[in-house]
Amino acid sequence: MVDPTVPSQGALAEVRWLAGPSATIERVLSLKGGQHAATWRVDTASPARTMVVRQFPADDSAAARETQALQTLDGLGGLAPTLLGSDLAGRWSECPTTLISWLDGEADITPSDPDAWAAQLGRALARVHAAPSDRLSGLPSVYDRSGGSREALAGPAAERIRSSWPQITAFPDVLTHSDYWSGNVVWRDGVLTGIVDWSGAARGPPGFDVGWCRLDLYLLFGERIADAFLDAYEDAIGHPLADVPLWDGWALARSHDGVTSWVPNYAPLGRGDLDERELRWRHAQWTARRLRQM
């Protein structure tokens, strides 16, 4: 039986093999935030290297998606990790596993300066969306994923989004992360150093990521910080993003049924105040505000 609290022995052996013939495991540290995969930082000695082990449930296709995405991104100019190895067929792991490079930083959703922090999130997303179009051909479309389909809508904003579907799908594709929220970004000394969890990378409209991140920022800090993120994003791309209320509404309709399940994402990162009741209340508040603009 797989122990979800520690990496498999096969994964640790693969880390040692990648590090070098005399490498030993020096430290294994569980990384908090997110629910999709069990993730650890693994440090070796002789030589000193750091890698990340990500283990996925046995019937989960996310490991294969992450493998494909990271091969396609090839580090994205240092903004994404690189793929070091993967086992999707049980060669050395007991469950689907990826080994990726370590991005020097850690998640931070309790910044001392939320405005500057949100601005960095906006500029980083602009870099993602500026990825060359030739990198997109091997990626799926967000509309073919369950989270981006027309059927995956619920709540007060759902009907408005369904009626606007031709408007949404008319936007040109960019590289989308598809789960761009503050817990999937790492920082070092107040500087954004990278973006993690690329298993959902896809082709899609830029508003798919923008609306999702704005929802997260509203849940954390309110509308002013969500707007600070948008201002920085628009400044970085050089023009206003059209139909922002529509993208916000799409994010709200996609998350209506699941927002209360995000408690385990926020609590380990210092936002234990965002319990199910609080998340539902803030989500409803943001929905009402955005519907007045749509």
C-alpha atoms as a PDB file:
ATOM      1  CA  MET A   1       0.000   0.000   0.000  1.00  0.00           C
ATOM      2  CA  VAL A   2       1.247   3.487  -0.883  1.00  0.00           C
ATOM      3  CA  ASP A   3       1.996   5.731   2.098  1.00  0.00           C
ATOM      4  CA  PRO A   4       0.783   9.226   1.082  1.00  0.00           C
ATOM      5  CA  THR A   5       2.856  10.923   3.782  1.00  0.00           C
ATOM      6  CA  VAL A   6       6.285  10.069   2.327  1.00  0.00           C
ATOM      7  CA  PRO A   7       7.722   9.627  -1.177  1.00  0.00           C
ATOM      8  CA  SER A   8       7.972   6.056  -2.402  1.00  0.00           C
ATOM      9  CA  GLN A   9      11.303   4.287  -2.023  1.00  0.00           C
ATOM     10  CA  GLY A  10      11.440   4.021  -5.801  1.00  0.00           C
ATOM     11  CA  ALA A  11      11.093   7.774  -6.168  1.00  0.00           C
ATOM     12  CA  LEU A  12      13.870   8.399  -3.647  1.00  0.00           C
ATOM     13  CA  ALA A  13      16.090   5.895  -5.443  1.00  0.00           C
ATOM     14  CA  GLU A  14      15.450   7.743  -8.692  1.00  0.00           C
ATOM     15  CA  VAL A  15      16.413  11.026  -7.016  1.00  0.00           C
ATOM     16  CA  ARG A  16      19.698   9.487  -5.866  1.00  0.00           C
ATOM     17  CA  TRP A  17      20.359   8.116  -9.351  1.00  0.00           C
ATOM     18  CA  LEU A  18      19.734  11.514 -10.947  1.00  0.00           C
ATOM     19  CA  ALA A  19      21.925  13.304  -8.399  1.00  0.00           C
ATOM     20  CA  GLY A  20      24.944  11.038  -8.902  1.00  0.00           C
ATOM     21  CA  PRO A  21      26.419   7.639  -7.999  1.00  0.00           C
ATOM     22  CA  SER A  22      27.519   8.676  -4.505  1.00  0.00           C
ATOM     23  CA  ALA A  23      24.456  10.783  -3.621  1.00  0.00           C
ATOM     24  CA  THR A  24      22.579  10.248  -0.384  1.00  0.00           C
ATOM     25  CA  ILE A  25      19.205  11.589   0.712  1.00  0.00           C
ATOM     26  CA  GLU A  26      19.805  14.358   3.234  1.00  0.00           C
ATOM     27  CA  ARG A  27      16.307  15.782   3.790  1.00  0.00           C
ATOM     28  CA  VAL A  28      12.701  15.203   2.699  1.00  0.00           C
ATOM     29  CA  LEU A  29      10.301  18.072   3.332  1.00  0.00           C
ATOM     30  CA  SER A  30       6.565  17.983   2.619  1.00  0.00           C
ATOM     31  CA  LEU A  31       5.401  21.048   0.684  1.00  0.00           C
ATOM     32  CA  LYS A  32       2.119  22.597   1.751  1.00  0.00           C
ATOM     33  CA  GLY A  33      -0.662  24.042  -0.369  1.00  0.00           C
ATOM     34  CA  GLY A  34      -2.791  22.355  -2.996  1.00  0.00           C
ATOM     35  CA  GLN A  35      -4.730  19.118  -2.865  1.00  0.00           C
ATOM     36  CA  HIS A  36      -4.029  17.453  -6.173  1.00  0.00           C
ATOM     37  CA  ALA A  37      -0.699  15.725  -5.578  1.00  0.00           C
ATOM     38  CA  ALA A  38       1.492  14.887  -2.605  1.00  0.00           C
ATOM     39  CA  THR A  39       4.615  16.996  -3.077  1.00  0.00           C
ATOM     40  CA  TRP A  40       8.002  16.939  -1.374  1.00  0.00           C
ATOM     41  CA  ARG A  41      11.292  18.787  -1.604  1.00  0.00           C
ATOM     42  CA  VAL A  42      14.148  16.276  -1.537  1.00  0.00           C
ATOM     43  CA  ASP A  43      17.722  17.387  -0.814  1.00  0.00           C
ATOM     44  CA  THR A  44      20.738  15.208  -1.507  1.00  0.00           C
ATOM     45  CA  ALA A  45      24.338  15.331  -0.348  1.00  0.00           C
ATOM     46  CA  SER A  46      27.475  14.338  -2.323  1.00  0.00           C
ATOM     47  CA  PRO A  47      26.581  16.178  -4.485  1.00  0.00           C
ATOM     48  CA  ALA A  48      24.187  18.731  -3.026  1.00  0.00           C
ATOM     49  CA  ARG A  49      21.071  18.887  -5.175  1.00  0.00           C
ATOM     50  CA  THR A  50      17.424  19.714  -4.638  1.00  0.00           C
ATOM     51  CA  MET A  51      14.551  18.131  -6.537  1.00  0.00           C
ATOM     52  CA  VAL A  52      10.795  17.920  -6.158  1.00  0.00           C
ATOM     53  CA  VAL A  53       8.864  14.645  -6.043  1.00  0.00           C
ATOM     54  CA  ARG A  54       5.174  14.774  -6.935  1.00  0.00           C
ATOM     55  CA  GLN A  55       3.029  11.661  -6.438  1.00  0.00           C
ATOM     56  CA  PHE A  56      -0.497  11.480  -7.859  1.00  0.00           C
ATOM     57  CA  PRO A  57      -3.387   9.110  -7.113  1.00  0.00           C
ATOM     58  CA  ALA A  58      -3.233   5.865  -9.063  1.00  0.00           C
ATOM     59  CA  ASP A  59      -6.149   6.673 -11.366  1.00  0.00           C
ATOM     60  CA  ASP A  60      -5.218  10.330 -11.888  1.00  0.00           C
ATOM     61  CA  SER A  61      -4.107  11.479 -15.339  1.00  0.00           C
ATOM     62  CA  ALA A  62      -2.543  14.679 -13.967  1.00  0.00           C
ATOM     63  CA  ALA A  63       0.940  13.149 -13.822  1.00  0.00           C
ATOM     64  CA  ALA A  64       0.812  12.453 -17.555  1.00  0.00           C
ATOM     65  CA  ARG A  65      -0.512  15.968 -18.204  1.00  0.00           C
ATOM     66  CA  GLU A  66       2.224  17.515 -16.085  1.00  0.00           C
ATOM     67  CA  THR A  67       4.865  15.470 -17.907  1.00  0.00           C
ATOM     68  CA  GLN A  68       3.588  16.648 -21.284  1.00  0.00           C
ATOM     69  CA  ALA A  69       3.252  20.261 -20.163  1.00  0.00           C
ATOM     70  CA  LEU A  70       6.731  20.553 -18.666  1.00  0.00           C
ATOM     71  CA  GLN A  71       8.296  18.959 -21.726  1.00  0.00           C
ATOM     72  CA  THR A  72       6.491  21.541 -23.851  1.00  0.00           C
ATOM     73  CA  LEU A  73       7.355  24.527 -21.643  1.00  0.00           C
ATOM     74  CA  ASP A  74      11.042  23.634 -21.250  1.00  0.00           C
ATOM     75  CA  GLY A  75      11.384  25.869 -18.193  1.00  0.00           C
ATOM     76  CA  LEU A  76       9.577  28.870 -19.691  1.00  0.00           C
ATOM     77  CA  GLY A  77      12.611  31.084 -19.260  1.00  0.00           C
ATOM     78  CA  GLY A  78      13.063  30.072 -15.628  1.00  0.00           C
ATOM     79  CA  LEU A  79       9.459  30.694 -14.662  1.00  0.00           C
ATOM     80  CA  ALA A  80       8.477  27.005 -14.637  1.00  0.00           C
ATOM     81  CA  PRO A  81      10.291  23.935 -13.332  1.00  0.00           C
ATOM     82  CA  THR A  82      11.895  21.508 -15.739  1.00  0.00           C
ATOM     83  CA  LEU A  83      11.028  17.831 -15.942  1.00  0.00           C
ATOM     84  CA  LEU A  84      13.790  15.574 -14.600  1.00  0.00           C
ATOM     85  CA  GLY A  85      11.938  12.287 -14.787  1.00  0.00           C
ATOM     86  CA  SER A  86       8.544  10.647 -14.601  1.00  0.00           C
ATOM     87  CA  ASP A  87       7.048   7.231 -14.081  1.00  0.00           C
ATOM     88  CA  LEU A  88       3.560   6.771 -15.447  1.00  0.00           C
ATOM     89  CA  ALA A  89       3.734   2.989 -15.824  1.00  0.00           C
ATOM     90  CA  GLY A  90       5.014   1.695 -12.480  1.00  0.00           C
ATOM     91  CA  ARG A  91       8.654   1.130 -13.458  1.00  0.00           C
ATOM     92  CA  TRP A  92      10.041   2.487 -10.178  1.00  0.00           C
ATOM     93  CA  SER A  93       7.067   4.066  -8.453  1.00  0.00           C
ATOM     94  CA  GLU A  94       3.932   2.684  -6.877  1.00  0.00           C
ATOM     95  CA  CYS A  95       1.770   5.520  -8.239  1.00  0.00           C
ATOM     96  CA  PRO A  96       2.138   8.078 -11.061  1.00  0.00           C
ATOM     97  CA  THR A  97       5.125  10.237 -10.146  1.00  0.00           C
ATOM     98  CA  THR A  98       7.029  13.177 -11.581  1.00  0.00           C
ATOM     99  CA  LEU A  99      10.462  14.470 -10.595  1.00  0.00           C
ATOM    100  CA  ILE A 100      10.988  18.140 -11.332  1.00  0.00           C
ATOM    101  CA  SER A 101      13.548  20.839 -10.690  1.00  0.00           C
ATOM    102  CA  TRP A 102      13.347  22.970  -7.566  1.00  0.00           C
ATOM    103  CA  LEU A 103      12.312  26.611  -7.989  1.00  0.00           C
ATOM    104  CA  ASP A 104      14.017  28.520  -5.204  1.00  0.00           C
ATOM    105  CA  GLY A 105      11.169  29.872  -3.139  1.00  0.00           C
ATOM    106  CA  GLU A 106       8.028  29.033  -1.245  1.00  0.00           C
ATOM    107  CA  ALA A 107       4.356  29.925  -1.365  1.00  0.00           C
ATOM    108  CA  ASP A 108       3.345  33.142   0.375  1.00  0.00           C
ATOM    109  CA  ILE A 109      -0.297  34.178   0.608  1.00  0.00           C
ATOM    110  CA  THR A 110       0.204  36.468   3.617  1.00  0.00           C
ATOM    111  CA  PRO A 111       2.428  39.205   2.142  1.00  0.00           C
ATOM    112  CA  SER A 112       3.384  42.311   4.078  1.00  0.00           C
ATOM    113  CA  ASP A 113       2.657  44.457   0.997  1.00  0.00           C
ATOM    114  CA  PRO A 114      -0.302  42.914  -0.857  1.00  0.00           C
ATOM    115  CA  ASP A 115      -0.346  45.610  -3.561  1.00  0.00           C
ATOM    116  CA  ALA A 116       3.249  45.014  -4.654  1.00  0.00           C
ATOM    117  CA  TRP A 117       2.760  41.262  -4.292  1.00  0.00           C
ATOM    118  CA  ALA A 118      -0.338  41.333  -6.533  1.00  0.00           C
ATOM    119  CA  ALA A 119       1.501  43.437  -9.100  1.00  0.00           C
ATOM    120  CA  GLN A 120       4.202  40.773  -9.375  1.00  0.00           C
ATOM    121  CA  LEU A 121       1.506  38.147  -9.902  1.00  0.00           C
ATOM    122  CA  GLY A 122       0.116  40.229 -12.754  1.00  0.00           C
ATOM    123  CA  ARG A 123       3.471  40.721 -14.452  1.00  0.00           C
ATOM    124  CA  ALA A 124       4.348  37.032 -14.158  1.00  0.00           C
ATOM    125  CA  LEU A 125       1.060  35.981 -15.749  1.00  0.00           C
ATOM    126  CA  ALA A 126       1.719  38.370 -18.631  1.00  0.00           C
ATOM    127  CA  ARG A 127       5.001  36.519 -19.224  1.00  0.00           C
ATOM    128  CA  VAL A 128       3.145  33.197 -19.318  1.00  0.00           C
ATOM    129  CA  HIS A 129       0.628  34.512 -21.823  1.00  0.00           C
ATOM    130  CA  ALA A 130       3.434  35.876 -24.006  1.00  0.00           C
ATOM    131  CA  ALA A 131       4.891  32.381 -24.557  1.00  0.00           C
ATOM    132  CA  PRO A 132       5.566  31.715 -28.260  1.00  0.00           C
ATOM    133  CA  SER A 133       2.562  30.287 -30.051  1.00  0.00           C
ATOM    134  CA  ASP A 134       4.597  27.386 -31.428  1.00  0.00           C
ATOM    135  CA  ARG A 135       4.697  25.947 -27.902  1.00  0.00           C
ATOM    136  CA  LEU A 136       0.927  25.620 -27.796  1.00  0.00           C
ATOM    137  CA  SER A 137       0.337  23.001 -30.478  1.00  0.00           C
ATOM    138  CA  GLY A 138       1.024  20.054 -28.187  1.00  0.00           C
ATOM    139  CA  LEU A 139      -1.287  21.253 -25.442  1.00  0.00           C
ATOM    140  CA  PRO A 140      -5.013  20.534 -25.070  1.00  0.00           C
ATOM    141  CA  SER A 141      -7.663  23.234 -25.217  1.00  0.00           C
ATOM    142  CA  VAL A 142      -9.157  24.516 -21.968  1.00  0.00           C
ATOM    143  CA  TYR A 143     -12.592  23.966 -23.522  1.00  0.00           C
ATOM    144  CA  ASP A 144     -11.888  20.229 -23.730  1.00  0.00           C
ATOM    145  CA  ARG A 145     -11.108  20.028 -20.030  1.00  0.00           C
ATOM    146  CA  SER A 146     -13.866  19.514 -17.499  1.00  0.00           C
ATOM    147  CA  GLY A 147     -13.066  22.787 -15.731  1.00  0.00           C
ATOM    148  CA  GLY A 148     -13.249  24.810 -18.923  1.00  0.00           C
ATOM    149  CA  SER A 149     -16.282  23.253 -20.525  1.00  0.00           C
ATOM    150  CA  ARG A 150     -19.641  24.931 -20.894  1.00  0.00           C
ATOM    151  CA  GLU A 151     -21.166  22.210 -18.740  1.00  0.00           C
ATOM    152  CA  ALA A 152     -18.904  23.000 -15.761  1.00  0.00           C
ATOM    153  CA  LEU A 153     -20.891  26.067 -14.765  1.00  0.00           C
ATOM    154  CA  ALA A 154     -23.155  26.617 -11.788  1.00  0.00           C
ATOM    155  CA  GLY A 155     -24.531  29.359  -9.596  1.00  0.00           C
ATOM    156  CA  PRO A 156     -25.972  32.802 -10.345  1.00  0.00           C
ATOM    157  CA  ALA A 157     -23.400  33.675 -13.053  1.00  0.00           C
ATOM    158  CA  ALA A 158     -23.778  30.429 -15.019  1.00  0.00           C
ATOM    159  CA  GLU A 159     -26.569  31.439 -17.381  1.00  0.00           C
ATOM    160  CA  ARG A 160     -24.869  34.715 -18.252  1.00  0.00           C
ATOM    161  CA  ILE A 161     -21.662  32.867 -19.109  1.00  0.00           C
ATOM    162  CA  ARG A 162     -23.484  30.273 -21.197  1.00  0.00           C
ATOM    163  CA  SER A 163     -25.168  33.010 -23.202  1.00  0.00           C
ATOM    164  CA  SER A 164     -21.764  34.649 -23.776  1.00  0.00           C
ATOM    165  CA  TRP A 165     -20.026  31.444 -24.870  1.00  0.00           C
ATOM    166  CA  PRO A 166     -19.456  32.567 -28.493  1.00  0.00           C
ATOM    167  CA  GLN A 167     -17.842  35.747 -27.156  1.00  0.00           C
ATOM    168  CA  ILE A 168     -15.561  33.723 -24.864  1.00  0.00           C
ATOM    169  CA  THR A 169     -14.467  31.211 -27.498  1.00  0.00           C
ATOM    170  CA  ALA A 170     -13.747  33.958 -30.052  1.00  0.00           C
ATOM    171  CA  PHE A 171     -10.676  35.104 -28.114  1.00  0.00           C
ATOM    172  CA  PRO A 172      -7.306  33.944 -29.481  1.00  0.00           C
ATOM    173  CA  ASP A 173      -5.454  31.273 -27.558  1.00  0.00           C
ATOM    174  CA  VAL A 174      -2.474  31.864 -25.301  1.00  0.00           C
ATOM    175  CA  LEU A 175      -0.604  29.542 -22.966  1.00  0.00           C
ATOM    176  CA  THR A 176      -2.804  29.216 -19.894  1.00  0.00           C
ATOM    177  CA  HIS A 177      -1.710  27.782 -16.567  1.00  0.00           C
ATOM    178  CA  SER A 178      -5.377  26.988 -15.769  1.00  0.00           C
ATOM    179  CA  ASP A 179      -4.932  27.090 -11.985  1.00  0.00           C
ATOM    180  CA  TYR A 180      -3.150  30.395 -11.565  1.00  0.00           C
ATOM    181  CA  TRP A 181      -3.724  31.308  -7.936  1.00  0.00           C
ATOM    182  CA  SER A 182      -1.336  32.682  -5.349  1.00  0.00           C
ATOM    183  CA  GLY A 183      -0.603  29.264  -3.815  1.00  0.00           C
ATOM    184  CA  ASN A 184       0.873  28.043  -7.106  1.00  0.00           C
ATOM    185  CA  VAL A 185       3.501  30.788  -7.123  1.00  0.00           C
ATOM    186  CA  VAL A 186       6.765  30.741  -5.158  1.00  0.00           C
ATOM    187  CA  TRP A 187       8.709  33.635  -3.673  1.00  0.00           C
ATOM    188  CA  ARG A 188      12.132  34.384  -2.239  1.00  0.00           C
ATOM    189  CA  ASP A 189      12.746  37.565  -0.221  1.00  0.00           C
ATOM    190  CA  GLY A 190       9.613  39.180  -1.590  1.00  0.00           C
ATOM    191  CA  VAL A 191      10.446  38.414  -5.231  1.00  0.00           C
ATOM    192  CA  LEU A 192       8.384  36.039  -7.365  1.00  0.00           C
ATOM    193  CA  THR A 193      10.724  33.265  -8.474  1.00  0.00           C
ATOM    194  CA  GLY A 194       8.467  30.842 -10.320  1.00  0.00           C
ATOM    195  CA  ILE A 195       5.126  29.162 -10.961  1.00  0.00           C
ATOM    196  CA  VAL A 196       4.386  25.559 -10.054  1.00  0.00           C
ATOM    197  CA  ASP A 197       1.719  22.891 -10.683  1.00  0.00           C
ATOM    198  CA  TRP A 198       1.512  22.920 -14.473  1.00  0.00           C
ATOM    199  CA  SER A 199      -0.614  19.784 -14.862  1.00  0.00           C
ATOM    200  CA  GLY A 200      -3.469  21.900 -16.233  1.00  0.00           C
ATOM    201  CA  ALA A 201      -1.451  23.829 -18.838  1.00  0.00           C
ATOM    202  CA  ALA A 202      -3.541  24.330 -21.963  1.00  0.00           C
ATOM    203  CA  ARG A 203      -4.429  26.574 -24.867  1.00  0.00           C
ATOM    204  CA  GLY A 204      -7.097  29.088 -23.973  1.00  0.00           C
ATOM    205  CA  PRO A 205      -8.120  32.736 -23.714  1.00  0.00           C
ATOM    206  CA  PRO A 206      -6.071  34.936 -21.366  1.00  0.00           C
ATOM    207  CA  GLY A 207      -9.146  35.717 -19.284  1.00  0.00           C
ATOM    208  CA  PHE A 208      -9.290  32.085 -18.166  1.00  0.00           C
ATOM    209  CA  ASP A 209      -6.257  32.703 -15.930  1.00  0.00           C
ATOM    210  CA  VAL A 210      -6.961  36.362 -15.183  1.00  0.00           C
ATOM    211  CA  GLY A 211     -10.455  35.762 -13.812  1.00  0.00           C
ATOM    212  CA  TRP A 212      -9.276  32.784 -11.751  1.00  0.00           C
ATOM    213  CA  CYS A 213      -6.472  34.738 -10.111  1.00  0.00           C
ATOM    214  CA  ARG A 214      -8.728  37.722  -9.468  1.00  0.00           C
ATOM    215  CA  LEU A 215     -11.188  35.421  -7.709  1.00  0.00           C
ATOM    216  CA  ASP A 216      -8.412  34.081  -5.476  1.00  0.00           C
ATOM    217  CA  LEU A 217      -7.236  37.616  -4.676  1.00  0.00           C
ATOM    218  CA  TYR A 218     -10.757  38.737  -3.854  1.00  0.00           C
ATOM    219  CA  LEU A 219     -11.174  35.794  -1.489  1.00  0.00           C
ATOM    220  CA  LEU A 220      -7.873  36.665   0.179  1.00  0.00           C
ATOM    221  CA  PHE A 221      -7.860  40.474   0.237  1.00  0.00           C
ATOM    222  CA  GLY A 222     -10.811  41.989  -1.591  1.00  0.00           C
ATOM    223  CA  GLU A 223     -11.427  43.900  -4.802  1.00  0.00           C
ATOM    224  CA  ARG A 224      -8.647  46.482  -4.459  1.00  0.00           C
ATOM    225  CA  ILE A 225      -5.927  43.830  -4.565  1.00  0.00           C
ATOM    226  CA  ALA A 226      -7.670  41.987  -7.410  1.00  0.00           C
ATOM    227  CA  ASP A 227      -7.608  45.282  -9.313  1.00  0.00           C
ATOM    228  CA  ALA A 228      -3.936  45.878  -8.476  1.00  0.00           C
ATOM    229  CA  PHE A 229      -3.160  42.524 -10.088  1.00  0.00           C
ATOM    230  CA  LEU A 230      -5.198  43.425 -13.173  1.00  0.00           C
ATOM    231  CA  ASP A 231      -3.553  46.850 -13.492  1.00  0.00           C
ATOM    232  CA  ALA A 232      -0.085  45.281 -13.463  1.00  0.00           C
ATOM    233  CA  TYR A 233      -1.120  42.587 -15.948  1.00  0.00           C
ATOM    234  CA  GLU A 234      -2.575  45.130 -18.372  1.00  0.00           C
ATOM    235  CA  ASP A 235       0.477  47.361 -18.036  1.00  0.00           C
ATOM    236  CA  ALA A 236       2.705  44.394 -18.861  1.00  0.00           C
ATOM    237  CA  ILE A 237       0.728  43.325 -21.953  1.00  0.00           C
ATOM    238  CA  GLY A 238       0.462  46.951 -23.108  1.00  0.00           C
ATOM    239  CA  HIS A 239      -3.312  47.274 -23.414  1.00  0.00           C
ATOM    240  CA  PRO A 240      -6.516  46.798 -21.412  1.00  0.00           C
ATOM    241  CA  LEU A 241      -7.956  43.301 -21.270  1.00  0.00           C
ATOM    242  CA  ALA A 242     -11.392  43.257 -22.859  1.00  0.00           C
ATOM    243  CA  ASP A 243     -14.471  41.924 -21.066  1.00  0.00           C
ATOM    244  CA  VAL A 244     -12.989  41.626 -17.567  1.00  0.00           C
ATOM    245  CA  PRO A 245     -16.433  41.205 -15.901  1.00  0.00           C
ATOM    246  CA  LEU A 246     -17.062  38.266 -18.221  1.00  0.00           C
ATOM    247  CA  TRP A 247     -13.815  36.540 -17.211  1.00  0.00           C
ATOM    248  CA  ASP A 248     -14.584  37.172 -13.570  1.00  0.00           C
ATOM    249  CA  GLY A 249     -18.038  35.707 -14.063  1.00  0.00           C
ATOM    250  CA  TRP A 250     -16.631  32.633 -15.793  1.00  0.00           C
ATOM    251  CA  ALA A 251     -14.296  31.987 -12.856  1.00  0.00           C
ATOM    252  CA  LEU A 252     -17.188  32.394 -10.435  1.00  0.00           C
ATOM    253  CA  ALA A 253     -19.435  30.011 -12.374  1.00  0.00           C
ATOM    254  CA  ARG A 254     -16.637  27.422 -12.632  1.00  0.00           C
ATOM    255  CA  SER A 255     -15.954  27.546  -8.903  1.00  0.00           C
ATOM    256  CA  HIS A 256     -19.465  27.920  -7.475  1.00  0.00           C
ATOM    257  CA  ASP A 257     -19.887  24.266  -6.504  1.00  0.00           C
ATOM    258  CA  GLY A 258     -16.319  23.723  -5.325  1.00  0.00           C
ATOM    259  CA  VAL A 259     -15.175  26.866  -3.552  1.00  0.00           C
ATOM    260  CA  THR A 260     -15.853  25.506  -0.064  1.00  0.00           C
ATOM    261  CA  SER A 261     -13.468  22.611  -0.764  1.00  0.00           C
ATOM    262  CA  TRP A 262     -10.560  25.068  -0.981  1.00  0.00           C
ATOM    263  CA  VAL A 263     -10.174  25.314   2.801  1.00  0.00           C
ATOM    264  CA  PRO A 264      -7.202  22.854   2.769  1.00  0.00           C
ATOM    265  CA  ASN A 265      -5.476  25.033   0.154  1.00  0.00           C
ATOM    266  CA  TYR A 266      -5.564  28.174   2.267  1.00  0.00           C
ATOM    267  CA  ALA A 267      -5.286  26.916   5.850  1.00  0.00           C
ATOM    268  CA  PRO A 268      -1.733  25.439   5.703  1.00  0.00           C
ATOM    269  CA  LEU A 269      -0.473  28.688   4.155  1.00  0.00           C
ATOM    270  CA  GLY A 270      -1.671  30.860   7.020  1.00  0.00           C
ATOM    271  CA  ARG A 271      -5.264  31.679   6.087  1.00  0.00           C
ATOM    272  CA  GLY A 272      -7.186  29.468   8.476  1.00  0.00           C
ATOM    273  CA  ASP A 273      -9.824  32.185   8.668  1.00  0.00           C
ATOM    274  CA  LEU A 274     -11.049  31.137   5.217  1.00  0.00           C
ATOM    275  CA  ASP A 275     -13.275  28.318   6.374  1.00  0.00           C
ATOM    276  CA  GLU A 276     -16.181  26.953   4.333  1.00  0.00           C
ATOM    277  CA  ARG A 277     -18.633  29.584   5.560  1.00  0.00           C
ATOM    278  CA  GLU A 278     -16.254  32.473   4.902  1.00  0.00           C
ATOM    279  CA  LEU A 279     -15.296  31.234   1.448  1.00  0.00           C
ATOM    280  CA  ARG A 280     -18.954  30.834   0.475  1.00  0.00           C
ATOM    281  CA  TRP A 281     -19.807  34.305   1.766  1.00  0.00           C
ATOM    282  CA  ARG A 282     -16.921  35.996  -0.053  1.00  0.00           C
ATOM    283  CA  HIS A 283     -17.648  34.053  -3.243  1.00  0.00           C
ATOM    284  CA  ALA A 284     -21.305  35.151  -3.122  1.00  0.00           C
ATOM    285  CA  GLN A 285     -20.248  38.744  -2.482  1.00  0.00           C
ATOM    286  CA  TRP A 286     -17.898  38.778  -5.480  1.00  0.00           C
ATOM    287  CA  THR A 287     -20.577  37.127  -7.632  1.00  0.00           C
ATOM    288  CA  ALA A 288     -23.102  39.820  -6.788  1.00  0.00           C
ATOM    289  CA  ARG A 289     -20.608  42.606  -7.488  1.00  0.00           C
ATOM    290  CA  ARG A 290     -19.530  41.206 -10.854  1.00  0.00           C
ATOM    291  CA  LEU A 291     -23.051  40.400 -12.035  1.00  0.00           C
ATOM    292  CA  ARG A 292     -23.894  44.093 -11.693  1.00  0.00           C
ATOM    293  CA  GLN A 293     -21.118  44.783 -14.227  1.00  0.00           C
ATOM    294  CA  MET A 294     -21.932  42.065 -16.763  1.00  0.00           C
END
